[in-house]
């Protein structure tokens, strides 16, 4: 899982990527570092980040990695961390309360965990493959068959797979439900390509709805 995550990170020509280390309690930026592939993999595997902060030894030391933030264009990361060992939690909390302006910046960075990141990458790769099948129409491909059969056939398959998911859920068949959900995801992606709906279009809509829910302005 870690290897797949690291593989999909966009490192620069020097093999590095910018990493912002941020305190999970105060939202304070502890350090900014350029890290390589090996350092990123090690941090994800061990769940720890070792820091030496120039000019402020009090912030140097070992930190527990709680989550990873990935810039939407994939060119930077943010490590959300917690100090390991002796750490005055009350002092950190008081600091956060005294400095309410020190907030996590939500516009450029999206909070994800490794599993969520991998799932998103998998869906993105599958969408790209389906789009390629639609353009090239290779013989013997099931995806080619769906596109050549037309919209009604694709819609029928979406309806069928939705029904299979419902049946598996009613039967409390977890393994079967996972399989049927995968089939449904695939056929939904085929439908999206057929109707020229981008993943980013759906993502933007979900982000907008999430924002409405947070402000209490929603009909759902």
N, C-alpha and C. Protein backbone atom coordinates (compact mmCIF):
# COMPACT_ATOMS: atom_id res chain seq x y z
N UNK A 1 0.83 -1.20 0.00
CA UNK A 1 0.00 0.00 0.00
C UNK A 1 0.86 1.25 0.00
N UNK A 2 1.93 1.27 0.84
CA UNK A 2 2.84 2.40 0.90
C UNK A 2 3.54 2.60 -0.43
N UNK A 3 4.00 1.49 -1.05
CA UNK A 3 4.70 1.58 -2.33
C UNK A 3 3.83 2.22 -3.41
N UNK A 4 2.57 1.84 -3.44
CA UNK A 4 1.66 2.40 -4.44
C UNK A 4 1.44 3.89 -4.21
N UNK A 5 1.33 4.28 -2.94
CA UNK A 5 1.14 5.69 -2.60
C UNK A 5 2.34 6.51 -3.05
N UNK A 6 3.54 6.05 -2.67
CA UNK A 6 4.76 6.78 -2.99
C UNK A 6 4.96 6.84 -4.50
N UNK A 7 4.64 5.76 -5.19
CA UNK A 7 4.83 5.68 -6.64
C UNK A 7 4.04 6.77 -7.37
N UNK A 8 2.90 7.14 -6.81
CA UNK A 8 2.04 8.11 -7.48
C UNK A 8 2.29 9.55 -7.04
N UNK A 9 3.28 9.76 -6.17
CA UNK A 9 3.65 11.12 -5.78
C UNK A 9 4.55 11.71 -6.86
N UNK A 10 4.33 12.98 -7.17
CA UNK A 10 5.11 13.64 -8.24
C UNK A 10 6.33 14.32 -7.63
N UNK A 11 7.48 13.67 -7.73
CA UNK A 11 8.74 14.25 -7.26
C UNK A 11 9.33 15.13 -8.37
N UNK A 12 10.13 16.14 -7.96
CA UNK A 12 10.73 17.03 -8.95
C UNK A 12 11.94 16.38 -9.61
N UNK A 13 12.64 17.15 -10.43
CA UNK A 13 13.76 16.60 -11.18
C UNK A 13 14.91 16.15 -10.28
N UNK A 14 14.93 16.65 -9.05
CA UNK A 14 15.96 16.24 -8.10
C UNK A 14 15.52 15.04 -7.27
N UNK A 15 14.30 14.56 -7.53
CA UNK A 15 13.77 13.43 -6.77
C UNK A 15 13.23 13.83 -5.42
N UNK A 16 12.81 15.09 -5.28
CA UNK A 16 12.33 15.60 -3.99
C UNK A 16 10.92 16.17 -4.13
N UNK A 17 10.26 16.34 -2.99
CA UNK A 17 8.97 17.00 -2.95
C UNK A 17 8.90 17.82 -1.66
N UNK A 18 8.28 18.99 -1.73
CA UNK A 18 8.16 19.84 -0.55
C UNK A 18 7.20 19.22 0.46
N UNK A 19 7.60 19.22 1.73
CA UNK A 19 6.77 18.68 2.80
C UNK A 19 6.67 19.70 3.93
N UNK A 20 5.46 20.11 4.23
CA UNK A 20 5.20 21.03 5.34
C UNK A 20 4.81 20.19 6.55
N UNK A 21 5.53 20.34 7.65
CA UNK A 21 5.24 19.60 8.87
C UNK A 21 4.43 20.50 9.78
N UNK A 22 3.21 20.05 10.13
CA UNK A 22 2.26 20.90 10.84
C UNK A 22 1.75 20.21 12.10
N UNK A 23 1.72 20.96 13.22
CA UNK A 23 1.26 20.42 14.50
C UNK A 23 -0.24 20.18 14.45
N UNK A 24 -0.68 18.99 14.88
CA UNK A 24 -2.10 18.63 14.78
C UNK A 24 -2.97 19.38 15.78
N UNK A 25 -2.37 19.91 16.86
CA UNK A 25 -3.16 20.61 17.88
C UNK A 25 -3.22 22.11 17.61
N UNK A 26 -2.08 22.72 17.36
CA UNK A 26 -2.02 24.18 17.21
C UNK A 26 -2.12 24.64 15.76
N UNK A 27 -1.97 23.72 14.81
CA UNK A 27 -1.92 24.03 13.38
C UNK A 27 -0.67 24.82 13.02
N UNK A 28 0.27 24.91 13.95
CA UNK A 28 1.52 25.64 13.70
C UNK A 28 2.39 24.87 12.71
N UNK A 29 2.98 25.59 11.78
CA UNK A 29 3.93 24.98 10.86
C UNK A 29 5.26 24.83 11.58
N UNK A 30 5.68 23.59 11.80
CA UNK A 30 6.90 23.31 12.55
C UNK A 30 8.13 23.44 11.66
N UNK A 31 8.03 22.95 10.45
CA UNK A 31 9.16 22.99 9.53
C UNK A 31 8.68 22.76 8.11
N UNK A 32 9.52 23.19 7.17
CA UNK A 32 9.30 22.91 5.75
C UNK A 32 10.55 22.23 5.22
N UNK A 33 10.37 21.06 4.66
CA UNK A 33 11.52 20.28 4.19
C UNK A 33 11.25 19.76 2.78
N UNK A 34 12.33 19.53 2.04
CA UNK A 34 12.24 18.78 0.79
C UNK A 34 12.68 17.35 1.11
N UNK A 35 11.80 16.39 0.84
CA UNK A 35 12.10 15.00 1.16
C UNK A 35 12.14 14.17 -0.11
N UNK A 36 12.90 13.09 -0.06
CA UNK A 36 12.98 12.21 -1.22
C UNK A 36 12.04 11.02 -1.05
N UNK A 37 12.03 10.16 -2.03
CA UNK A 37 11.14 9.00 -2.06
C UNK A 37 11.36 8.10 -0.86
N UNK A 38 12.64 7.85 -0.52
CA UNK A 38 12.97 6.94 0.58
C UNK A 38 12.49 7.49 1.92
N UNK A 39 12.67 8.81 2.12
CA UNK A 39 12.23 9.42 3.37
C UNK A 39 10.72 9.36 3.52
N UNK A 40 10.01 9.62 2.43
CA UNK A 40 8.55 9.56 2.47
C UNK A 40 8.09 8.15 2.78
N UNK A 41 8.67 7.15 2.10
CA UNK A 41 8.28 5.76 2.33
C UNK A 41 8.56 5.36 3.77
N UNK A 42 9.71 5.76 4.31
CA UNK A 42 10.06 5.42 5.68
C UNK A 42 9.09 6.03 6.67
N UNK A 43 8.71 7.28 6.45
CA UNK A 43 7.77 7.96 7.35
C UNK A 43 6.41 7.28 7.35
N UNK A 44 5.95 6.87 6.15
CA UNK A 44 4.66 6.20 6.06
C UNK A 44 4.69 4.82 6.69
N UNK A 45 5.82 4.13 6.57
CA UNK A 45 5.94 2.77 7.12
C UNK A 45 6.07 2.79 8.64
N UNK A 46 6.85 3.74 9.17
CA UNK A 46 7.09 3.78 10.62
C UNK A 46 6.07 4.62 11.36
N UNK A 47 5.41 5.53 10.64
CA UNK A 47 4.46 6.42 11.28
C UNK A 47 5.12 7.50 12.12
N UNK A 48 6.41 7.75 11.85
CA UNK A 48 7.15 8.76 12.62
C UNK A 48 7.92 9.68 11.69
N UNK A 49 8.15 10.90 12.17
CA UNK A 49 8.95 11.88 11.45
C UNK A 49 10.02 12.41 12.40
N UNK A 50 11.28 12.34 12.01
CA UNK A 50 12.38 12.89 12.81
C UNK A 50 12.75 14.25 12.26
N UNK A 51 12.82 15.27 13.16
CA UNK A 51 13.08 16.63 12.72
C UNK A 51 14.21 17.26 13.50
N UNK A 52 15.00 18.06 12.80
CA UNK A 52 15.93 18.97 13.44
C UNK A 52 15.56 20.36 12.95
N UNK A 53 15.04 21.19 13.85
CA UNK A 53 14.55 22.51 13.48
C UNK A 53 15.63 23.54 13.81
N UNK A 54 16.24 24.10 12.79
CA UNK A 54 17.31 25.08 12.99
C UNK A 54 16.79 26.30 13.73
N UNK A 55 17.53 26.71 14.75
CA UNK A 55 17.18 27.91 15.51
C UNK A 55 16.16 27.67 16.59
N UNK A 56 15.59 26.49 16.67
CA UNK A 56 14.58 26.20 17.70
C UNK A 56 14.68 24.74 18.11
N UNK A 57 15.69 24.39 18.94
CA UNK A 57 15.86 23.00 19.37
C UNK A 57 14.66 22.44 20.11
N UNK A 58 13.83 23.31 20.71
CA UNK A 58 12.67 22.83 21.46
C UNK A 58 11.67 22.12 20.58
N UNK A 59 11.70 22.42 19.28
CA UNK A 59 10.76 21.78 18.35
C UNK A 59 11.40 20.61 17.60
N UNK A 60 12.69 20.40 17.81
CA UNK A 60 13.35 19.26 17.19
C UNK A 60 12.96 17.98 17.92
N UNK A 61 13.07 16.86 17.23
CA UNK A 61 12.77 15.58 17.87
C UNK A 61 11.90 14.68 17.01
N UNK A 62 11.28 13.69 17.65
CA UNK A 62 10.46 12.71 16.96
C UNK A 62 8.99 13.10 17.04
N UNK A 63 8.30 12.93 15.92
CA UNK A 63 6.88 13.25 15.84
C UNK A 63 6.14 12.05 15.26
N UNK A 64 4.94 11.83 15.77
CA UNK A 64 4.08 10.77 15.26
C UNK A 64 3.30 11.32 14.07
N UNK A 65 3.35 10.60 12.94
CA UNK A 65 2.66 11.02 11.73
C UNK A 65 1.20 10.57 11.80
N UNK A 66 0.28 11.55 11.87
CA UNK A 66 -1.14 11.24 12.00
C UNK A 66 -1.84 11.15 10.64
N UNK A 67 -1.41 11.96 9.71
CA UNK A 67 -2.06 11.95 8.40
C UNK A 67 -1.19 12.68 7.40
N UNK A 68 -1.54 12.56 6.13
CA UNK A 68 -0.78 13.19 5.06
C UNK A 68 -1.72 14.09 4.26
N UNK A 69 -1.27 15.27 3.99
CA UNK A 69 -2.05 16.20 3.17
C UNK A 69 -1.36 16.33 1.83
N UNK A 70 -2.13 16.25 0.76
CA UNK A 70 -1.57 16.26 -0.58
C UNK A 70 -2.13 17.45 -1.35
N UNK A 71 -1.23 18.26 -1.88
CA UNK A 71 -1.65 19.36 -2.72
C UNK A 71 -2.40 18.81 -3.92
N UNK A 72 -3.40 19.51 -4.38
CA UNK A 72 -4.25 18.99 -5.45
C UNK A 72 -3.50 18.76 -6.74
N UNK A 73 -2.43 19.53 -6.99
CA UNK A 73 -1.66 19.27 -8.19
C UNK A 73 -0.55 18.26 -7.94
N UNK A 74 -0.47 17.75 -6.72
CA UNK A 74 0.49 16.69 -6.40
C UNK A 74 1.91 17.16 -6.22
N UNK A 75 2.15 18.47 -6.11
CA UNK A 75 3.51 18.98 -6.06
C UNK A 75 4.01 19.28 -4.66
N UNK A 76 3.20 19.06 -3.64
CA UNK A 76 3.65 19.26 -2.27
C UNK A 76 2.81 18.42 -1.32
N UNK A 77 3.35 18.19 -0.13
CA UNK A 77 2.68 17.41 0.90
C UNK A 77 2.66 18.20 2.20
N UNK A 78 1.72 17.88 3.07
CA UNK A 78 1.74 18.38 4.43
C UNK A 78 1.62 17.20 5.37
N UNK A 79 2.53 17.10 6.31
CA UNK A 79 2.49 16.07 7.34
C UNK A 79 1.79 16.63 8.56
N UNK A 80 0.70 16.00 8.97
CA UNK A 80 0.02 16.37 10.20
C UNK A 80 0.58 15.49 11.31
N UNK A 81 1.22 16.10 12.33
CA UNK A 81 2.00 15.34 13.29
C UNK A 81 1.64 15.68 14.73
N UNK A 82 2.13 14.82 15.62
CA UNK A 82 1.99 15.01 17.07
C UNK A 82 3.32 14.66 17.71
N UNK A 83 3.76 15.46 18.66
CA UNK A 83 5.05 15.25 19.30
C UNK A 83 5.06 13.93 20.07
N UNK A 84 6.13 13.16 19.93
CA UNK A 84 6.29 11.89 20.62
C UNK A 84 7.07 12.13 21.91
N UNK A 85 6.62 11.50 23.00
CA UNK A 85 7.35 11.62 24.26
C UNK A 85 6.77 12.72 25.13
N UNK A 86 7.65 13.38 25.90
CA UNK A 86 7.22 14.44 26.79
C UNK A 86 6.67 15.61 25.99
N UNK A 87 5.40 15.90 26.22
CA UNK A 87 4.78 16.98 25.46
C UNK A 87 3.64 17.56 26.27
N UNK A 88 3.66 18.87 26.49
CA UNK A 88 2.66 19.55 27.31
C UNK A 88 1.42 19.81 26.47
N UNK A 89 0.47 18.86 26.50
CA UNK A 89 -0.72 18.97 25.68
C UNK A 89 -1.55 20.19 26.05
N UNK A 90 -1.62 20.50 27.35
CA UNK A 90 -2.42 21.64 27.78
C UNK A 90 -1.82 22.93 27.24
N UNK A 91 -0.48 23.03 27.28
CA UNK A 91 0.18 24.22 26.76
C UNK A 91 -0.11 24.40 25.28
N UNK A 92 -0.07 23.29 24.54
CA UNK A 92 -0.33 23.37 23.10
C UNK A 92 -1.76 23.79 22.82
N UNK A 93 -2.70 23.24 23.62
CA UNK A 93 -4.10 23.58 23.45
C UNK A 93 -4.34 25.04 23.78
N UNK A 94 -3.73 25.52 24.88
CA UNK A 94 -3.86 26.92 25.27
C UNK A 94 -3.31 27.84 24.18
N UNK A 95 -2.22 27.42 23.57
CA UNK A 95 -1.62 28.21 22.50
C UNK A 95 -2.58 28.32 21.33
N UNK A 96 -3.22 27.20 21.01
CA UNK A 96 -4.19 27.20 19.90
C UNK A 96 -5.35 28.12 20.20
N UNK A 97 -5.81 28.14 21.48
CA UNK A 97 -6.93 28.98 21.85
C UNK A 97 -6.57 30.46 21.83
N UNK A 98 -5.30 30.75 22.16
CA UNK A 98 -4.86 32.15 22.19
C UNK A 98 -4.59 32.69 20.79
N UNK A 99 -4.36 31.78 19.84
CA UNK A 99 -4.04 32.20 18.47
C UNK A 99 -5.00 31.57 17.48
N UNK A 100 -6.28 32.02 17.50
CA UNK A 100 -7.28 31.39 16.62
C UNK A 100 -7.00 31.57 15.15
N UNK A 101 -6.13 32.51 14.80
CA UNK A 101 -5.84 32.73 13.38
C UNK A 101 -4.96 31.64 12.79
N UNK A 102 -4.33 30.86 13.68
CA UNK A 102 -3.43 29.79 13.20
C UNK A 102 -4.24 28.58 12.80
N UNK A 103 -4.84 28.66 11.66
CA UNK A 103 -5.71 27.60 11.17
C UNK A 103 -5.07 26.88 9.99
N UNK A 104 -5.51 25.66 9.76
CA UNK A 104 -5.07 24.92 8.59
C UNK A 104 -5.66 25.55 7.34
N UNK A 105 -4.83 25.77 6.35
CA UNK A 105 -5.30 26.39 5.11
C UNK A 105 -6.02 25.35 4.27
N UNK A 106 -7.32 25.51 4.00
CA UNK A 106 -8.09 24.48 3.30
C UNK A 106 -8.08 24.60 1.79
N UNK A 107 -7.64 25.76 1.23
CA UNK A 107 -7.86 25.98 -0.19
C UNK A 107 -6.99 25.13 -1.10
N UNK A 108 -5.71 24.92 -0.73
CA UNK A 108 -4.79 24.23 -1.61
C UNK A 108 -4.55 22.78 -1.24
N UNK A 109 -4.83 22.42 0.01
CA UNK A 109 -4.43 21.11 0.51
C UNK A 109 -5.65 20.31 0.91
N UNK A 110 -5.70 19.07 0.49
CA UNK A 110 -6.82 18.19 0.81
C UNK A 110 -6.35 17.11 1.77
N UNK A 111 -7.04 16.93 2.90
CA UNK A 111 -6.66 15.93 3.88
C UNK A 111 -7.10 14.55 3.43
N UNK A 112 -6.15 13.65 3.33
CA UNK A 112 -6.46 12.28 2.94
C UNK A 112 -5.62 11.33 3.75
N UNK A 113 -6.08 10.11 3.89
CA UNK A 113 -5.19 9.08 4.42
C UNK A 113 -4.72 8.23 3.23
N UNK A 114 -3.81 7.33 3.50
CA UNK A 114 -3.18 6.58 2.41
C UNK A 114 -4.21 5.77 1.64
N UNK A 115 -5.12 5.09 2.35
CA UNK A 115 -6.12 4.26 1.68
C UNK A 115 -7.02 5.09 0.78
N UNK A 116 -7.43 6.26 1.28
CA UNK A 116 -8.28 7.13 0.47
C UNK A 116 -7.55 7.62 -0.76
N UNK A 117 -6.28 7.96 -0.59
CA UNK A 117 -5.47 8.42 -1.72
C UNK A 117 -5.35 7.34 -2.77
N UNK A 118 -5.09 6.12 -2.32
CA UNK A 118 -4.94 5.00 -3.26
C UNK A 118 -6.24 4.74 -4.01
N UNK A 119 -7.37 4.82 -3.30
CA UNK A 119 -8.66 4.59 -3.95
C UNK A 119 -8.90 5.64 -5.02
N UNK A 120 -8.62 6.90 -4.69
CA UNK A 120 -8.80 7.97 -5.66
C UNK A 120 -7.92 7.78 -6.88
N UNK A 121 -6.67 7.37 -6.66
CA UNK A 121 -5.76 7.12 -7.78
C UNK A 121 -6.25 5.97 -8.64
N UNK A 122 -6.79 4.93 -8.00
CA UNK A 122 -7.31 3.78 -8.74
C UNK A 122 -8.48 4.18 -9.62
N UNK A 123 -9.41 4.96 -9.06
CA UNK A 123 -10.56 5.42 -9.83
C UNK A 123 -10.10 6.30 -10.99
N UNK A 124 -9.14 7.18 -10.72
CA UNK A 124 -8.63 8.07 -11.76
C UNK A 124 -7.98 7.27 -12.90
N UNK A 125 -7.18 6.26 -12.52
CA UNK A 125 -6.52 5.41 -13.53
C UNK A 125 -7.55 4.63 -14.34
N UNK A 126 -8.58 4.11 -13.67
CA UNK A 126 -9.61 3.34 -14.37
C UNK A 126 -10.39 4.24 -15.33
N UNK A 127 -10.69 5.45 -14.90
CA UNK A 127 -11.38 6.41 -15.78
C UNK A 127 -10.55 6.67 -17.03
N UNK A 128 -9.23 6.88 -16.82
CA UNK A 128 -8.35 7.13 -17.97
C UNK A 128 -8.30 5.94 -18.91
N UNK A 129 -8.29 4.72 -18.36
CA UNK A 129 -8.28 3.52 -19.20
C UNK A 129 -9.57 3.40 -20.00
N UNK A 130 -10.70 3.66 -19.35
CA UNK A 130 -11.99 3.59 -20.04
C UNK A 130 -12.07 4.63 -21.15
N UNK A 131 -11.57 5.84 -20.87
CA UNK A 131 -11.56 6.89 -21.89
C UNK A 131 -10.69 6.48 -23.08
N UNK A 132 -9.58 5.81 -22.79
CA UNK A 132 -8.70 5.33 -23.86
C UNK A 132 -9.39 4.26 -24.69
N UNK A 133 -10.13 3.37 -24.01
CA UNK A 133 -10.88 2.33 -24.74
C UNK A 133 -11.95 2.96 -25.63
N UNK A 134 -12.57 4.00 -25.14
CA UNK A 134 -13.59 4.67 -25.92
C UNK A 134 -13.01 5.30 -27.18
N UNK A 135 -11.80 5.83 -27.06
CA UNK A 135 -11.16 6.48 -28.20
C UNK A 135 -10.63 5.48 -29.22
N UNK A 136 -9.99 4.38 -28.73
CA UNK A 136 -9.31 3.45 -29.64
C UNK A 136 -10.18 2.26 -30.05
N UNK A 137 -11.17 1.92 -29.23
CA UNK A 137 -12.09 0.81 -29.50
C UNK A 137 -11.37 -0.49 -29.89
N UNK A 138 -10.48 -1.01 -29.05
CA UNK A 138 -9.79 -2.26 -29.39
C UNK A 138 -10.77 -3.43 -29.45
N UNK A 139 -10.54 -4.33 -30.39
CA UNK A 139 -11.42 -5.49 -30.54
C UNK A 139 -11.28 -6.43 -29.34
N UNK A 140 -12.38 -7.07 -28.98
CA UNK A 140 -12.37 -8.02 -27.88
C UNK A 140 -12.50 -7.41 -26.51
N UNK A 141 -12.56 -6.09 -26.43
CA UNK A 141 -12.68 -5.40 -25.14
C UNK A 141 -14.15 -5.27 -24.75
N UNK A 142 -14.46 -5.62 -23.49
CA UNK A 142 -15.83 -5.48 -23.00
C UNK A 142 -16.23 -4.01 -22.98
N UNK A 143 -15.27 -3.14 -22.66
CA UNK A 143 -15.56 -1.71 -22.63
C UNK A 143 -15.91 -1.21 -24.03
N UNK A 144 -15.18 -1.70 -25.04
CA UNK A 144 -15.50 -1.36 -26.43
C UNK A 144 -16.92 -1.80 -26.77
N UNK A 145 -17.26 -3.01 -26.32
CA UNK A 145 -18.61 -3.55 -26.57
C UNK A 145 -19.68 -2.62 -25.99
N UNK A 146 -19.44 -2.13 -24.79
CA UNK A 146 -20.43 -1.24 -24.16
C UNK A 146 -20.59 0.05 -24.95
N UNK A 147 -19.47 0.66 -25.33
CA UNK A 147 -19.55 1.91 -26.06
C UNK A 147 -20.21 1.73 -27.43
N UNK A 148 -19.90 0.64 -28.09
CA UNK A 148 -20.48 0.41 -29.41
C UNK A 148 -21.96 0.02 -29.31
N UNK A 149 -22.37 -0.49 -28.15
CA UNK A 149 -23.79 -0.85 -27.96
C UNK A 149 -24.64 0.38 -27.69
N UNK A 150 -24.01 1.46 -27.24
CA UNK A 150 -24.74 2.71 -27.06
C UNK A 150 -25.18 3.00 -25.63
N UNK A 151 -25.74 4.19 -25.45
CA UNK A 151 -26.11 4.69 -24.13
C UNK A 151 -27.13 3.80 -23.42
N UNK A 152 -28.13 3.32 -24.16
CA UNK A 152 -29.17 2.52 -23.51
C UNK A 152 -28.59 1.26 -22.87
N UNK A 153 -27.65 0.62 -23.55
CA UNK A 153 -27.01 -0.58 -23.01
C UNK A 153 -26.23 -0.24 -21.74
N UNK A 154 -25.52 0.87 -21.77
CA UNK A 154 -24.74 1.29 -20.59
C UNK A 154 -25.67 1.58 -19.42
N UNK A 155 -26.76 2.27 -19.69
CA UNK A 155 -27.73 2.59 -18.63
C UNK A 155 -28.35 1.32 -18.06
N UNK A 156 -28.62 0.35 -18.92
CA UNK A 156 -29.17 -0.92 -18.46
C UNK A 156 -28.21 -1.62 -17.51
N UNK A 157 -26.90 -1.60 -17.85
CA UNK A 157 -25.90 -2.24 -16.99
C UNK A 157 -25.77 -1.52 -15.65
N UNK A 158 -25.86 -0.20 -15.66
CA UNK A 158 -25.82 0.56 -14.40
C UNK A 158 -27.00 0.17 -13.52
N UNK A 159 -28.18 0.05 -14.13
CA UNK A 159 -29.37 -0.34 -13.38
C UNK A 159 -29.23 -1.76 -12.82
N UNK A 160 -28.71 -2.66 -13.65
CA UNK A 160 -28.54 -4.05 -13.21
C UNK A 160 -27.56 -4.14 -12.04
N UNK A 161 -26.43 -3.46 -12.15
CA UNK A 161 -25.43 -3.52 -11.09
C UNK A 161 -25.93 -2.85 -9.81
N UNK A 162 -26.73 -1.80 -9.95
CA UNK A 162 -27.32 -1.16 -8.77
C UNK A 162 -28.23 -2.14 -8.04
N UNK A 163 -29.00 -2.89 -8.82
CA UNK A 163 -29.87 -3.90 -8.22
C UNK A 163 -29.09 -4.99 -7.51
N UNK A 164 -27.95 -5.39 -8.11
CA UNK A 164 -27.11 -6.42 -7.48
C UNK A 164 -26.53 -5.93 -6.16
N UNK A 165 -26.17 -4.66 -6.11
CA UNK A 165 -25.66 -4.09 -4.85
C UNK A 165 -26.75 -4.12 -3.79
N UNK A 166 -27.96 -3.76 -4.17
CA UNK A 166 -29.08 -3.75 -3.22
C UNK A 166 -29.34 -5.15 -2.68
N UNK A 167 -29.34 -6.13 -3.57
CA UNK A 167 -29.59 -7.51 -3.14
C UNK A 167 -28.50 -7.98 -2.18
N UNK A 168 -27.24 -7.71 -2.50
CA UNK A 168 -26.14 -8.12 -1.64
C UNK A 168 -26.23 -7.45 -0.27
N UNK A 169 -26.64 -6.18 -0.27
CA UNK A 169 -26.77 -5.46 1.00
C UNK A 169 -27.90 -6.04 1.84
N UNK A 170 -29.03 -6.34 1.20
CA UNK A 170 -30.17 -6.93 1.92
C UNK A 170 -29.81 -8.30 2.48
N UNK A 171 -28.99 -9.05 1.76
CA UNK A 171 -28.57 -10.38 2.21
C UNK A 171 -27.40 -10.34 3.20
N UNK A 172 -26.91 -9.13 3.48
CA UNK A 172 -25.78 -8.93 4.39
C UNK A 172 -24.56 -9.76 3.95
N UNK A 173 -24.38 -9.81 2.62
CA UNK A 173 -23.25 -10.54 2.04
C UNK A 173 -22.14 -9.54 1.73
N UNK A 174 -21.27 -9.31 2.70
CA UNK A 174 -20.27 -8.25 2.59
C UNK A 174 -19.33 -8.46 1.41
N UNK A 175 -18.80 -9.68 1.25
CA UNK A 175 -17.86 -9.95 0.17
C UNK A 175 -18.53 -9.76 -1.19
N UNK A 176 -19.76 -10.25 -1.31
CA UNK A 176 -20.50 -10.10 -2.56
C UNK A 176 -20.81 -8.63 -2.83
N UNK A 177 -21.13 -7.89 -1.78
CA UNK A 177 -21.45 -6.48 -1.94
C UNK A 177 -20.24 -5.69 -2.45
N UNK A 178 -19.05 -6.03 -1.93
CA UNK A 178 -17.83 -5.35 -2.39
C UNK A 178 -17.63 -5.60 -3.88
N UNK A 179 -17.83 -6.84 -4.30
CA UNK A 179 -17.67 -7.19 -5.71
C UNK A 179 -18.68 -6.44 -6.58
N UNK A 180 -19.92 -6.39 -6.12
CA UNK A 180 -20.96 -5.71 -6.90
C UNK A 180 -20.73 -4.21 -6.93
N UNK A 181 -20.22 -3.65 -5.83
CA UNK A 181 -19.91 -2.22 -5.82
C UNK A 181 -18.81 -1.90 -6.82
N UNK A 182 -17.82 -2.79 -6.91
CA UNK A 182 -16.75 -2.59 -7.90
C UNK A 182 -17.32 -2.59 -9.31
N UNK A 183 -18.24 -3.53 -9.58
CA UNK A 183 -18.89 -3.57 -10.90
C UNK A 183 -19.67 -2.28 -11.17
N UNK A 184 -20.37 -1.81 -10.13
CA UNK A 184 -21.17 -0.60 -10.29
C UNK A 184 -20.28 0.61 -10.55
N UNK A 185 -19.17 0.72 -9.80
CA UNK A 185 -18.23 1.81 -10.02
C UNK A 185 -17.74 1.82 -11.47
N UNK A 186 -17.38 0.64 -11.95
CA UNK A 186 -16.87 0.53 -13.32
C UNK A 186 -17.90 1.03 -14.33
N UNK A 187 -19.13 0.55 -14.22
CA UNK A 187 -20.15 0.92 -15.20
C UNK A 187 -20.54 2.39 -15.07
N UNK A 188 -20.47 2.94 -13.86
CA UNK A 188 -20.71 4.37 -13.69
C UNK A 188 -19.63 5.19 -14.40
N UNK A 189 -18.38 4.72 -14.33
CA UNK A 189 -17.30 5.41 -15.01
C UNK A 189 -17.48 5.33 -16.54
N UNK A 190 -17.94 4.19 -17.03
CA UNK A 190 -18.24 4.06 -18.45
C UNK A 190 -19.31 5.08 -18.85
N UNK A 191 -20.35 5.19 -18.02
CA UNK A 191 -21.41 6.15 -18.28
C UNK A 191 -20.87 7.58 -18.28
N UNK A 192 -20.00 7.88 -17.33
CA UNK A 192 -19.41 9.23 -17.26
C UNK A 192 -18.62 9.55 -18.53
N UNK A 193 -17.82 8.60 -18.99
CA UNK A 193 -17.04 8.82 -20.21
C UNK A 193 -17.98 9.00 -21.40
N UNK A 194 -19.00 8.16 -21.48
CA UNK A 194 -19.96 8.24 -22.58
C UNK A 194 -20.63 9.61 -22.64
N UNK A 195 -20.95 10.17 -21.47
CA UNK A 195 -21.65 11.45 -21.42
C UNK A 195 -20.70 12.62 -21.19
N UNK A 196 -19.37 12.35 -21.28
CA UNK A 196 -18.34 13.38 -21.14
C UNK A 196 -18.44 14.13 -19.81
N UNK A 197 -18.62 13.36 -18.73
CA UNK A 197 -18.60 13.92 -17.38
C UNK A 197 -17.24 13.57 -16.76
N UNK A 198 -16.51 14.57 -16.32
CA UNK A 198 -15.18 14.37 -15.75
C UNK A 198 -15.27 14.05 -14.26
N UNK A 199 -14.26 13.32 -13.77
CA UNK A 199 -14.19 13.05 -12.33
C UNK A 199 -14.12 14.36 -11.55
N UNK A 200 -13.41 15.33 -12.09
CA UNK A 200 -13.29 16.63 -11.40
C UNK A 200 -14.64 17.33 -11.29
N UNK A 201 -15.53 17.09 -12.26
CA UNK A 201 -16.87 17.69 -12.19
C UNK A 201 -17.62 17.18 -10.97
N UNK A 202 -17.57 15.87 -10.78
CA UNK A 202 -18.24 15.27 -9.62
C UNK A 202 -17.54 15.69 -8.33
N UNK A 203 -16.20 15.71 -8.36
CA UNK A 203 -15.45 16.11 -7.18
C UNK A 203 -15.78 17.53 -6.76
N UNK A 204 -15.90 18.44 -7.73
CA UNK A 204 -16.24 19.84 -7.42
C UNK A 204 -17.63 19.93 -6.81
N UNK A 205 -18.55 19.13 -7.33
CA UNK A 205 -19.92 19.14 -6.80
C UNK A 205 -19.95 18.64 -5.36
N UNK A 206 -19.20 17.56 -5.08
CA UNK A 206 -19.15 17.02 -3.72
C UNK A 206 -18.50 18.01 -2.76
N UNK A 207 -17.44 18.68 -3.22
CA UNK A 207 -16.78 19.69 -2.39
C UNK A 207 -17.72 20.83 -2.07
N UNK A 208 -18.49 21.25 -3.06
CA UNK A 208 -19.46 22.33 -2.85
C UNK A 208 -20.53 21.92 -1.85
N UNK A 209 -21.00 20.69 -1.96
CA UNK A 209 -22.03 20.22 -1.03
C UNK A 209 -21.48 20.10 0.39
N UNK A 210 -20.23 19.62 0.49
CA UNK A 210 -19.62 19.50 1.81
C UNK A 210 -19.51 20.87 2.46
N UNK A 211 -19.16 21.88 1.67
CA UNK A 211 -19.07 23.24 2.20
C UNK A 211 -20.40 23.75 2.68
N UNK A 212 -21.47 23.43 1.94
CA UNK A 212 -22.81 23.85 2.35
C UNK A 212 -23.22 23.20 3.66
N UNK A 213 -22.87 21.90 3.81
CA UNK A 213 -23.24 21.20 5.04
C UNK A 213 -22.52 21.79 6.25
N UNK A 214 -21.24 22.19 6.05
CA UNK A 214 -20.47 22.74 7.15
C UNK A 214 -21.04 24.07 7.61
N UNK A 215 -21.62 24.84 6.68
CA UNK A 215 -22.19 26.14 7.03
C UNK A 215 -23.67 26.03 7.37
N UNK A 216 -24.21 24.81 7.25
CA UNK A 216 -25.62 24.60 7.56
C UNK A 216 -26.55 25.01 6.44
N UNK A 217 -26.02 25.35 5.28
CA UNK A 217 -26.81 25.77 4.14
C UNK A 217 -26.97 24.65 3.16
N UNK A 218 -27.90 23.75 3.42
CA UNK A 218 -28.10 22.60 2.54
C UNK A 218 -29.53 22.11 2.66
N UNK A 219 -30.00 21.53 1.57
CA UNK A 219 -31.35 20.96 1.56
C UNK A 219 -31.34 19.48 1.86
N UNK A 220 -30.10 18.85 1.84
CA UNK A 220 -30.03 17.41 2.03
C UNK A 220 -29.86 17.04 3.48
